[in-house]
Amino acid sequence: MANSLISIQIIPKTKDGEDVIPYVDEAIKVIAESGVKYEVHPLETTMEGELHELFTVISKMNERMIEMGSKNVISQVKILYQPTGISMDDLTGKYR
């Protein structure tokens, strides 16, 4: 079982104030390609996995934003680390 949930909102500084949606789409693609379980929500995306693995995904997301031309990136992150195991369903399953 995974030991962490991380929610991230990535805010790239785009060139000349262009739309951030293509950047956000690319950040979500980085998550999808990582193979971790994730859910996209209106204001953030939540990932489930091992803490070190999720930090690696966040690093790749930020690097990808720079590759796309962002001058800098703000990543707002919430972390739930529970060594005994945690899943998104543990917290939200009753609402589905």
PDB file of N, CA and C in Angstrom:
ATOM      1  N   MET A   1       0.842  -1.184   0.000  1.00  0.00           N
ATOM      2  CA  MET A   1       0.000   0.000   0.000  1.00  0.00           C
ATOM      3  C   MET A   1       0.887   1.249   0.000  1.00  0.00           C
ATOM      4  N   ALA A   2       0.430   2.258  -0.683  1.00  0.00           N
ATOM      5  CA  ALA A   2       1.151   3.532  -0.760  1.00  0.00           C
ATOM      6  C   ALA A   2       1.281   4.160   0.623  1.00  0.00           C
ATOM      7  N   ASN A   3       2.331   4.953   0.804  1.00  0.00           N
ATOM      8  CA  ASN A   3       2.505   5.623   2.092  1.00  0.00           C
ATOM      9  C   ASN A   3       2.242   7.125   2.032  1.00  0.00           C
ATOM     10  N   SER A   4       1.847   7.622   0.845  1.00  0.00           N
ATOM     11  CA  SER A   4       1.672   9.077   0.726  1.00  0.00           C
ATOM     12  C   SER A   4       0.590   9.455  -0.274  1.00  0.00           C
ATOM     13  N   LEU A   5      -0.041  10.573   0.032  1.00  0.00           N
ATOM     14  CA  LEU A   5      -0.898  11.282  -0.912  1.00  0.00           C
ATOM     15  C   LEU A   5      -0.306  12.671  -1.050  1.00  0.00           C
ATOM     16  N   ILE A   6      -0.150  13.104  -2.283  1.00  0.00           N
ATOM     17  CA  ILE A   6       0.333  14.462  -2.530  1.00  0.00           C
ATOM     18  C   ILE A   6      -0.610  15.132  -3.523  1.00  0.00           C
ATOM     19  N   SER A   7      -1.110  16.292  -3.131  1.00  0.00           N
ATOM     20  CA  SER A   7      -1.889  17.118  -4.047  1.00  0.00           C
ATOM     21  C   SER A   7      -1.006  18.259  -4.505  1.00  0.00           C
ATOM     22  N   ILE A   8      -1.052  18.527  -5.798  1.00  0.00           N
ATOM     23  CA  ILE A   8      -0.213  19.580  -6.358  1.00  0.00           C
ATOM     24  C   ILE A   8      -1.022  20.469  -7.291  1.00  0.00           C
ATOM     25  N   GLN A   9      -0.768  21.745  -7.163  1.00  0.00           N
ATOM     26  CA  GLN A   9      -1.255  22.748  -8.109  1.00  0.00           C
ATOM     27  C   GLN A   9      -0.006  23.391  -8.679  1.00  0.00           C
ATOM     28  N   ILE A  10       0.171  23.276  -9.985  1.00  0.00           N
ATOM     29  CA  ILE A  10       1.369  23.817 -10.618  1.00  0.00           C
ATOM     30  C   ILE A  10       0.990  25.093 -11.364  1.00  0.00           C
ATOM     31  N   ILE A  11       1.776  26.132 -11.148  1.00  0.00           N
ATOM     32  CA  ILE A  11       1.483  27.445 -11.724  1.00  0.00           C
ATOM     33  C   ILE A  11       2.734  27.943 -12.449  1.00  0.00           C
ATOM     34  N   PRO A  12       2.820  27.660 -13.751  1.00  0.00           N
ATOM     35  CA  PRO A  12       3.992  28.115 -14.500  1.00  0.00           C
ATOM     36  C   PRO A  12       3.861  29.587 -14.895  1.00  0.00           C
ATOM     37  N   LYS A  13       4.981  30.290 -14.876  1.00  0.00           N
ATOM     38  CA  LYS A  13       4.998  31.663 -15.399  1.00  0.00           C
ATOM     39  C   LYS A  13       5.216  31.534 -16.901  1.00  0.00           C
ATOM     40  N   THR A  14       4.192  31.853 -17.666  1.00  0.00           N
ATOM     41  CA  THR A  14       4.252  31.672 -19.112  1.00  0.00           C
ATOM     42  C   THR A  14       4.834  32.898 -19.803  1.00  0.00           C
ATOM     43  N   LYS A  15       5.289  32.669 -21.023  1.00  0.00           N
ATOM     44  CA  LYS A  15       5.824  33.757 -21.834  1.00  0.00           C
ATOM     45  C   LYS A  15       4.698  34.705 -22.225  1.00  0.00           C
ATOM     46  N   ASP A  16       4.895  35.965 -22.000  1.00  0.00           N
ATOM     47  CA  ASP A  16       3.953  37.009 -22.418  1.00  0.00           C
ATOM     48  C   ASP A  16       2.528  36.752 -21.932  1.00  0.00           C
ATOM     49  N   GLY A  17       2.381  36.085 -20.791  1.00  0.00           N
ATOM     50  CA  GLY A  17       1.056  35.869 -20.208  1.00  0.00           C
ATOM     51  C   GLY A  17       0.164  34.924 -20.982  1.00  0.00           C
ATOM     52  N   GLU A  18       0.767  34.016 -21.764  1.00  0.00           N
ATOM     53  CA  GLU A  18      -0.056  33.090 -22.529  1.00  0.00           C
ATOM     54  C   GLU A  18      -0.830  32.149 -21.605  1.00  0.00           C
ATOM     55  N   ASP A  19      -1.829  31.495 -22.154  1.00  0.00           N
ATOM     56  CA  ASP A  19      -2.699  30.586 -21.418  1.00  0.00           C
ATOM     57  C   ASP A  19      -1.892  29.471 -20.752  1.00  0.00           C
ATOM     58  N   VAL A  20      -2.189  29.168 -19.495  1.00  0.00           N
ATOM     59  CA  VAL A  20      -1.454  28.123 -18.771  1.00  0.00           C
ATOM     60  C   VAL A  20      -2.014  26.719 -19.002  1.00  0.00           C
ATOM     61  N   ILE A  21      -3.207  26.607 -19.576  1.00  0.00           N
ATOM     62  CA  ILE A  21      -3.846  25.293 -19.710  1.00  0.00           C
ATOM     63  C   ILE A  21      -2.978  24.284 -20.467  1.00  0.00           C
ATOM     64  N   PRO A  22      -2.342  24.633 -21.582  1.00  0.00           N
ATOM     65  CA  PRO A  22      -1.474  23.647 -22.236  1.00  0.00           C
ATOM     66  C   PRO A  22      -0.324  23.189 -21.329  1.00  0.00           C
ATOM     67  N   TYR A  23       0.154  24.070 -20.484  1.00  0.00           N
ATOM     68  CA  TYR A  23       1.214  23.716 -19.539  1.00  0.00           C
ATOM     69  C   TYR A  23       0.681  22.745 -18.477  1.00  0.00           C
ATOM     70  N   VAL A  24      -0.493  23.056 -17.953  1.00  0.00           N
ATOM     71  CA  VAL A  24      -1.104  22.187 -16.949  1.00  0.00           C
ATOM     72  C   VAL A  24      -1.401  20.816 -17.557  1.00  0.00           C
ATOM     73  N   ASP A  25      -1.904  20.806 -18.783  1.00  0.00           N
ATOM     74  CA  ASP A  25      -2.146  19.533 -19.469  1.00  0.00           C
ATOM     75  C   ASP A  25      -0.858  18.718 -19.571  1.00  0.00           C
ATOM     76  N   GLU A  26       0.230  19.378 -19.866  1.00  0.00           N
ATOM     77  CA  GLU A  26       1.526  18.694 -19.983  1.00  0.00           C
ATOM     78  C   GLU A  26       1.998  18.187 -18.619  1.00  0.00           C
ATOM     79  N   ALA A  27       1.758  18.961 -17.572  1.00  0.00           N
ATOM     80  CA  ALA A  27       2.124  18.521 -16.218  1.00  0.00           C
ATOM     81  C   ALA A  27       1.344  17.269 -15.839  1.00  0.00           C
ATOM     82  N   ILE A  28       0.067  17.232 -16.180  1.00  0.00           N
ATOM     83  CA  ILE A  28      -0.748  16.051 -15.902  1.00  0.00           C
ATOM     84  C   ILE A  28      -0.269  14.866 -16.737  1.00  0.00           C
ATOM     85  N   LYS A  29       0.190  15.128 -17.947  1.00  0.00           N
ATOM     86  CA  LYS A  29       0.753  14.066 -18.789  1.00  0.00           C
ATOM     87  C   LYS A  29       1.994  13.457 -18.131  1.00  0.00           C
ATOM     88  N   VAL A  30       2.821  14.293 -17.508  1.00  0.00           N
ATOM     89  CA  VAL A  30       3.999  13.791 -16.793  1.00  0.00           C
ATOM     90  C   VAL A  30       3.557  12.842 -15.681  1.00  0.00           C
ATOM     91  N   ILE A  31       2.506  13.213 -14.957  1.00  0.00           N
ATOM     92  CA  ILE A  31       1.985  12.342 -13.902  1.00  0.00           C
ATOM     93  C   ILE A  31       1.503  11.026 -14.500  1.00  0.00           C
ATOM     94  N   ALA A  32       0.705  11.113 -15.554  1.00  0.00           N
ATOM     95  CA  ALA A  32       0.156   9.909 -16.179  1.00  0.00           C
ATOM     96  C   ALA A  32       1.259   8.972 -16.649  1.00  0.00           C
ATOM     97  N   GLU A  33       2.296   9.540 -17.249  1.00  0.00           N
ATOM     98  CA  GLU A  33       3.401   8.723 -17.757  1.00  0.00           C
ATOM     99  C   GLU A  33       4.223   8.084 -16.640  1.00  0.00           C
ATOM    100  N   SER A  34       4.129   8.627 -15.428  1.00  0.00           N
ATOM    101  CA  SER A  34       4.890   8.079 -14.303  1.00  0.00           C
ATOM    102  C   SER A  34       4.318   6.752 -13.811  1.00  0.00           C
ATOM    103  N   GLY A  35       3.051   6.531 -14.089  1.00  0.00           N
ATOM    104  CA  GLY A  35       2.415   5.289 -13.666  1.00  0.00           C
ATOM    105  C   GLY A  35       1.802   5.327 -12.278  1.00  0.00           C
ATOM    106  N   VAL A  36       1.920   6.460 -11.559  1.00  0.00           N
ATOM    107  CA  VAL A  36       1.313   6.524 -10.231  1.00  0.00           C
ATOM    108  C   VAL A  36      -0.192   6.724 -10.367  1.00  0.00           C
ATOM    109  N   LYS A  37      -0.921   6.296  -9.356  1.00  0.00           N
ATOM    110  CA  LYS A  37      -2.358   6.527  -9.326  1.00  0.00           C
ATOM    111  C   LYS A  37      -2.587   8.014  -9.074  1.00  0.00           C
ATOM    112  N   TYR A  38      -3.549   8.610  -9.791  1.00  0.00           N
ATOM    113  CA  TYR A  38      -3.815  10.031  -9.615  1.00  0.00           C
ATOM    114  C   TYR A  38      -5.253  10.355  -9.970  1.00  0.00           C
ATOM    115  N   GLU A  39      -5.717  11.490  -9.463  1.00  0.00           N
ATOM    116  CA  GLU A  39      -7.028  12.030  -9.801  1.00  0.00           C
ATOM    117  C   GLU A  39      -6.871  13.519 -10.070  1.00  0.00           C
ATOM    118  N   VAL A  40      -7.468  13.972 -11.165  1.00  0.00           N
ATOM    119  CA  VAL A  40      -7.459  15.389 -11.501  1.00  0.00           C
ATOM    120  C   VAL A  40      -8.712  16.029 -10.917  1.00  0.00           C
ATOM    121  N   HIS A  41      -8.521  17.135 -10.218  1.00  0.00           N
ATOM    122  CA  HIS A  41      -9.616  17.906  -9.635  1.00  0.00           C
ATOM    123  C   HIS A  41      -9.548  19.322 -10.203  1.00  0.00           C
ATOM    124  N   PRO A  42     -10.576  20.140 -10.002  1.00  0.00           N
ATOM    125  CA  PRO A  42     -10.579  21.466 -10.622  1.00  0.00           C
ATOM    126  C   PRO A  42      -9.390  22.353 -10.267  1.00  0.00           C
ATOM    127  N   LEU A  43      -8.885  22.275  -9.041  1.00  0.00           N
ATOM    128  CA  LEU A  43      -7.836  23.195  -8.622  1.00  0.00           C
ATOM    129  C   LEU A  43      -6.508  22.528  -8.307  1.00  0.00           C
ATOM    130  N   GLU A  44      -6.461  21.197  -8.356  1.00  0.00           N
ATOM    131  CA  GLU A  44      -5.235  20.467  -8.059  1.00  0.00           C
ATOM    132  C   GLU A  44      -5.388  19.030  -8.519  1.00  0.00           C
ATOM    133  N   THR A  45      -4.273  18.338  -8.563  1.00  0.00           N
ATOM    134  CA  THR A  45      -4.259  16.923  -8.889  1.00  0.00           C
ATOM    135  C   THR A  45      -3.652  16.183  -7.712  1.00  0.00           C
ATOM    136  N   THR A  46      -4.289  15.069  -7.327  1.00  0.00           N
ATOM    137  CA  THR A  46      -3.806  14.276  -6.198  1.00  0.00           C
ATOM    138  C   THR A  46      -3.186  12.993  -6.721  1.00  0.00           C
ATOM    139  N   MET A  47      -1.994  12.693  -6.198  1.00  0.00           N
ATOM    140  CA  MET A  47      -1.266  11.478  -6.555  1.00  0.00           C
ATOM    141  C   MET A  47      -1.161  10.574  -5.328  1.00  0.00           C
ATOM    142  N   GLU A  48      -1.082   9.275  -5.587  1.00  0.00           N
ATOM    143  CA  GLU A  48      -0.951   8.283  -4.520  1.00  0.00           C
ATOM    144  C   GLU A  48       0.265   7.424  -4.813  1.00  0.00           C
ATOM    145  N   GLY A  49       1.134   7.246  -3.830  1.00  0.00           N
ATOM    146  CA  GLY A  49       2.314   6.416  -4.050  1.00  0.00           C
ATOM    147  C   GLY A  49       3.302   6.524  -2.911  1.00  0.00           C
ATOM    148  N   GLU A  50       4.521   6.129  -3.187  1.00  0.00           N
ATOM    149  CA  GLU A  50       5.595   6.232  -2.203  1.00  0.00           C
ATOM    150  C   GLU A  50       6.140   7.659  -2.234  1.00  0.00           C
ATOM    151  N   LEU A  51       6.437   8.203  -1.070  1.00  0.00           N
ATOM    152  CA  LEU A  51       6.828   9.601  -0.952  1.00  0.00           C
ATOM    153  C   LEU A  51       7.967   9.976  -1.903  1.00  0.00           C
ATOM    154  N   HIS A  52       9.029   9.197  -1.909  1.00  0.00           N
ATOM    155  CA  HIS A  52      10.182   9.517  -2.770  1.00  0.00           C
ATOM    156  C   HIS A  52       9.795   9.480  -4.245  1.00  0.00           C
ATOM    157  N   GLU A  53       8.925   8.553  -4.611  1.00  0.00           N
ATOM    158  CA  GLU A  53       8.475   8.430  -5.995  1.00  0.00           C
ATOM    159  C   GLU A  53       7.664   9.661  -6.411  1.00  0.00           C
ATOM    160  N   LEU A  54       6.799  10.130  -5.518  1.00  0.00           N
ATOM    161  CA  LEU A  54       5.966  11.285  -5.837  1.00  0.00           C
ATOM    162  C   LEU A  54       6.789  12.568  -5.925  1.00  0.00           C
ATOM    163  N   PHE A  55       7.817  12.680  -5.084  1.00  0.00           N
ATOM    164  CA  PHE A  55       8.713  13.838  -5.192  1.00  0.00           C
ATOM    165  C   PHE A  55       9.442  13.842  -6.537  1.00  0.00           C
ATOM    166  N   THR A  56       9.785  12.668  -7.027  1.00  0.00           N
ATOM    167  CA  THR A  56      10.426  12.567  -8.345  1.00  0.00           C
ATOM    168  C   THR A  56       9.479  13.053  -9.435  1.00  0.00           C
ATOM    169  N   VAL A  57       8.207  12.687  -9.340  1.00  0.00           N
ATOM    170  CA  VAL A  57       7.209  13.148 -10.316  1.00  0.00           C
ATOM    171  C   VAL A  57       7.094  14.665 -10.274  1.00  0.00           C
ATOM    172  N   ILE A  58       7.047  15.240  -9.083  1.00  0.00           N
ATOM    173  CA  ILE A  58       6.954  16.695  -8.950  1.00  0.00           C
ATOM    174  C   ILE A  58       8.168  17.369  -9.588  1.00  0.00           C
ATOM    175  N   SER A  59       9.331  16.815  -9.370  1.00  0.00           N
ATOM    176  CA  SER A  59      10.547  17.360  -9.976  1.00  0.00           C
ATOM    177  C   SER A  59      10.444  17.332 -11.498  1.00  0.00           C
ATOM    178  N   LYS A  60       9.990  16.227 -12.049  1.00  0.00           N
ATOM    179  CA  LYS A  60       9.846  16.113 -13.512  1.00  0.00           C
ATOM    180  C   LYS A  60       8.807  17.084 -14.050  1.00  0.00           C
ATOM    181  N   MET A  61       7.746  17.302 -13.304  1.00  0.00           N
ATOM    182  CA  MET A  61       6.724  18.265 -13.723  1.00  0.00           C
ATOM    183  C   MET A  61       7.319  19.664 -13.834  1.00  0.00           C
ATOM    184  N   ASN A  62       8.060  20.059 -12.811  1.00  0.00           N
ATOM    185  CA  ASN A  62       8.680  21.385 -12.828  1.00  0.00           C
ATOM    186  C   ASN A  62       9.698  21.521 -13.956  1.00  0.00           C
ATOM    187  N   GLU A  63      10.510  20.503 -14.152  1.00  0.00           N
ATOM    188  CA  GLU A  63      11.494  20.528 -15.240  1.00  0.00           C
ATOM    189  C   GLU A  63      10.808  20.643 -16.590  1.00  0.00           C
ATOM    190  N   ARG A  64       9.681  19.948 -16.759  1.00  0.00           N
ATOM    191  CA  ARG A  64       8.956  20.005 -18.032  1.00  0.00           C
ATOM    192  C   ARG A  64       8.411  21.407 -18.302  1.00  0.00           C
ATOM    193  N   MET A  65       7.963  22.099 -17.262  1.00  0.00           N
ATOM    194  CA  MET A  65       7.456  23.463 -17.447  1.00  0.00           C
ATOM    195  C   MET A  65       8.565  24.383 -17.968  1.00  0.00           C
ATOM    196  N   ILE A  66       9.762  24.219 -17.441  1.00  0.00           N
ATOM    197  CA  ILE A  66      10.897  25.020 -17.894  1.00  0.00           C
ATOM    198  C   ILE A  66      11.248  24.664 -19.333  1.00  0.00           C
ATOM    199  N   GLU A  67      11.244  23.375 -19.660  1.00  0.00           N
ATOM    200  CA  GLU A  67      11.507  22.948 -21.047  1.00  0.00           C
ATOM    201  C   GLU A  67      10.517  23.575 -22.014  1.00  0.00           C
ATOM    202  N   MET A  68       9.271  23.787 -21.557  1.00  0.00           N
ATOM    203  CA  MET A  68       8.235  24.366 -22.412  1.00  0.00           C
ATOM    204  C   MET A  68       8.363  25.883 -22.531  1.00  0.00           C
ATOM    205  N   GLY A  69       9.272  26.480 -21.763  1.00  0.00           N
ATOM    206  CA  GLY A  69       9.491  27.908 -21.895  1.00  0.00           C
ATOM    207  C   GLY A  69       9.097  28.745 -20.692  1.00  0.00           C
ATOM    208  N   SER A  70       8.648  28.118 -19.618  1.00  0.00           N
ATOM    209  CA  SER A  70       8.337  28.885 -18.407  1.00  0.00           C
ATOM    210  C   SER A  70       9.622  29.461 -17.823  1.00  0.00           C
ATOM    211  N   LYS A  71       9.537  30.690 -17.354  1.00  0.00           N
ATOM    212  CA  LYS A  71      10.683  31.314 -16.694  1.00  0.00           C
ATOM    213  C   LYS A  71      10.873  30.720 -15.307  1.00  0.00           C
ATOM    214  N   ASN A  72       9.750  30.466 -14.610  1.00  0.00           N
ATOM    215  CA  ASN A  72       9.770  29.833 -13.300  1.00  0.00           C
ATOM    216  C   ASN A  72       8.445  29.141 -13.060  1.00  0.00           C
ATOM    217  N   VAL A  73       8.378  28.391 -11.970  1.00  0.00           N
ATOM    218  CA  VAL A  73       7.184  27.596 -11.677  1.00  0.00           C
ATOM    219  C   VAL A  73       6.916  27.641 -10.173  1.00  0.00           C
ATOM    220  N   ILE A  74       5.668  27.867  -9.819  1.00  0.00           N
ATOM    221  CA  ILE A  74       5.245  27.730  -8.427  1.00  0.00           C
ATOM    222  C   ILE A  74       4.513  26.392  -8.330  1.00  0.00           C
ATOM    223  N   SER A  75       4.902  25.577  -7.370  1.00  0.00           N
ATOM    224  CA  SER A  75       4.207  24.319  -7.098  1.00  0.00           C
ATOM    225  C   SER A  75       3.662  24.371  -5.681  1.00  0.00           C
ATOM    226  N   GLN A  76       2.358  24.427  -5.577  1.00  0.00           N
ATOM    227  CA  GLN A  76       1.723  24.387  -4.266  1.00  0.00           C
ATOM    228  C   GLN A  76       1.406  22.935  -3.964  1.00  0.00           C
ATOM    229  N   VAL A  77       1.962  22.437  -2.867  1.00  0.00           N
ATOM    230  CA  VAL A  77       1.921  21.007  -2.577  1.00  0.00           C
ATOM    231  C   VAL A  77       1.360  20.759  -1.188  1.00  0.00           C
ATOM    232  N   LYS A  78       0.474  19.759  -1.097  1.00  0.00           N
ATOM    233  CA  LYS A  78      -0.017  19.256   0.192  1.00  0.00           C
ATOM    234  C   LYS A  78       0.406  17.799   0.280  1.00  0.00           C
ATOM    235  N   ILE A  79       0.941  17.406   1.418  1.00  0.00           N
ATOM    236  CA  ILE A  79       1.467  16.055   1.580  1.00  0.00           C
ATOM    237  C   ILE A  79       0.840  15.390   2.792  1.00  0.00           C
ATOM    238  N   LEU A  80       0.341  14.183   2.582  1.00  0.00           N
ATOM    239  CA  LEU A  80      -0.050  13.318   3.688  1.00  0.00           C
ATOM    240  C   LEU A  80       0.880  12.115   3.643  1.00  0.00           C
ATOM    241  N   TYR A  81       1.732  11.998   4.629  1.00  0.00           N
ATOM    242  CA  TYR A  81       2.673  10.879   4.730  1.00  0.00           C
ATOM    243  C   TYR A  81       2.221  10.005   5.892  1.00  0.00           C
ATOM    244  N   GLN A  82       1.936   8.758   5.600  1.00  0.00           N
ATOM    245  CA  GLN A  82       1.455   7.817   6.608  1.00  0.00           C
ATOM    246  C   GLN A  82       2.155   6.482   6.373  1.00  0.00           C
ATOM    247  N   PRO A  83       3.243   6.220   7.089  1.00  0.00           N
ATOM    248  CA  PRO A  83       4.046   5.019   6.852  1.00  0.00           C
ATOM    249  C   PRO A  83       3.260   3.707   6.903  1.00  0.00           C
ATOM    250  N   THR A  84       2.157   3.688   7.648  1.00  0.00           N
ATOM    251  CA  THR A  84       1.365   2.453   7.735  1.00  0.00           C
ATOM    252  C   THR A  84       0.489   2.233   6.511  1.00  0.00           C
ATOM    253  N   GLY A  85       0.430   3.215   5.626  1.00  0.00           N
ATOM    254  CA  GLY A  85      -0.332   3.089   4.383  1.00  0.00           C
ATOM    255  C   GLY A  85      -1.531   4.019   4.338  1.00  0.00           C
ATOM    256  N   ILE A  86      -1.810   4.516   3.147  1.00  0.00           N
ATOM    257  CA  ILE A  86      -2.930   5.441   2.930  1.00  0.00           C
ATOM    258  C   ILE A  86      -3.331   5.371   1.459  1.00  0.00           C
ATOM    259  N   SER A  87      -4.615   5.576   1.191  1.00  0.00           N
ATOM    260  CA  SER A  87      -5.084   5.651  -0.189  1.00  0.00           C
ATOM    261  C   SER A  87      -6.115   6.764  -0.309  1.00  0.00           C
ATOM    262  N   MET A  88      -6.357   7.206  -1.529  1.00  0.00           N
ATOM    263  CA  MET A  88      -7.376   8.219  -1.750  1.00  0.00           C
ATOM    264  C   MET A  88      -8.734   7.691  -1.312  1.00  0.00           C
ATOM    265  N   ASP A  89      -8.990   6.412  -1.573  1.00  0.00           N
ATOM    266  CA  ASP A  89     -10.267   5.812  -1.174  1.00  0.00           C
ATOM    267  C   ASP A  89     -10.461   5.831   0.333  1.00  0.00           C
ATOM    268  N   ASP A  90      -9.382   5.707   1.097  1.00  0.00           N
ATOM    269  CA  ASP A  90      -9.504   5.783   2.554  1.00  0.00           C
ATOM    270  C   ASP A  90     -10.145   7.101   2.982  1.00  0.00           C
ATOM    271  N   LEU A  91      -9.834   8.165   2.267  1.00  0.00           N
ATOM    272  CA  LEU A  91     -10.317   9.489   2.643  1.00  0.00           C
ATOM    273  C   LEU A  91     -11.599   9.912   1.945  1.00  0.00           C
ATOM    274  N   THR A  92     -11.823   9.419   0.722  1.00  0.00           N
ATOM    275  CA  THR A  92     -12.975   9.920  -0.043  1.00  0.00           C
ATOM    276  C   THR A  92     -13.934   8.847  -0.524  1.00  0.00           C
ATOM    277  N   GLY A  93     -13.635   7.593  -0.262  1.00  0.00           N
ATOM    278  CA  GLY A  93     -14.474   6.500  -0.742  1.00  0.00           C
ATOM    279  C   GLY A  93     -15.944   6.617  -0.362  1.00  0.00           C
ATOM    280  N   LYS A  94     -16.218   7.111   0.829  1.00  0.00           N
ATOM    281  CA  LYS A  94     -17.610   7.217   1.287  1.00  0.00           C
ATOM    282  C   LYS A  94     -18.417   8.237   0.485  1.00  0.00           C
ATOM    283  N   TYR A  95     -17.734   9.102  -0.247  1.00  0.00           N
ATOM    284  CA  TYR A  95     -18.429  10.106  -1.040  1.00  0.00           C
ATOM    285  C   TYR A  95     -18.730   9.646  -2.467  1.00  0.00           C
ATOM    286  N   ARG A  96     -18.283   8.478  -2.814  1.00  0.00           N
ATOM    287  CA  ARG A  96     -18.497   7.980  -4.180  1.00  0.00           C
ATOM    288  C   ARG A  96     -19.626   6.985  -4.232  1.00  0.00           C
TER     289      ARG A  96
END
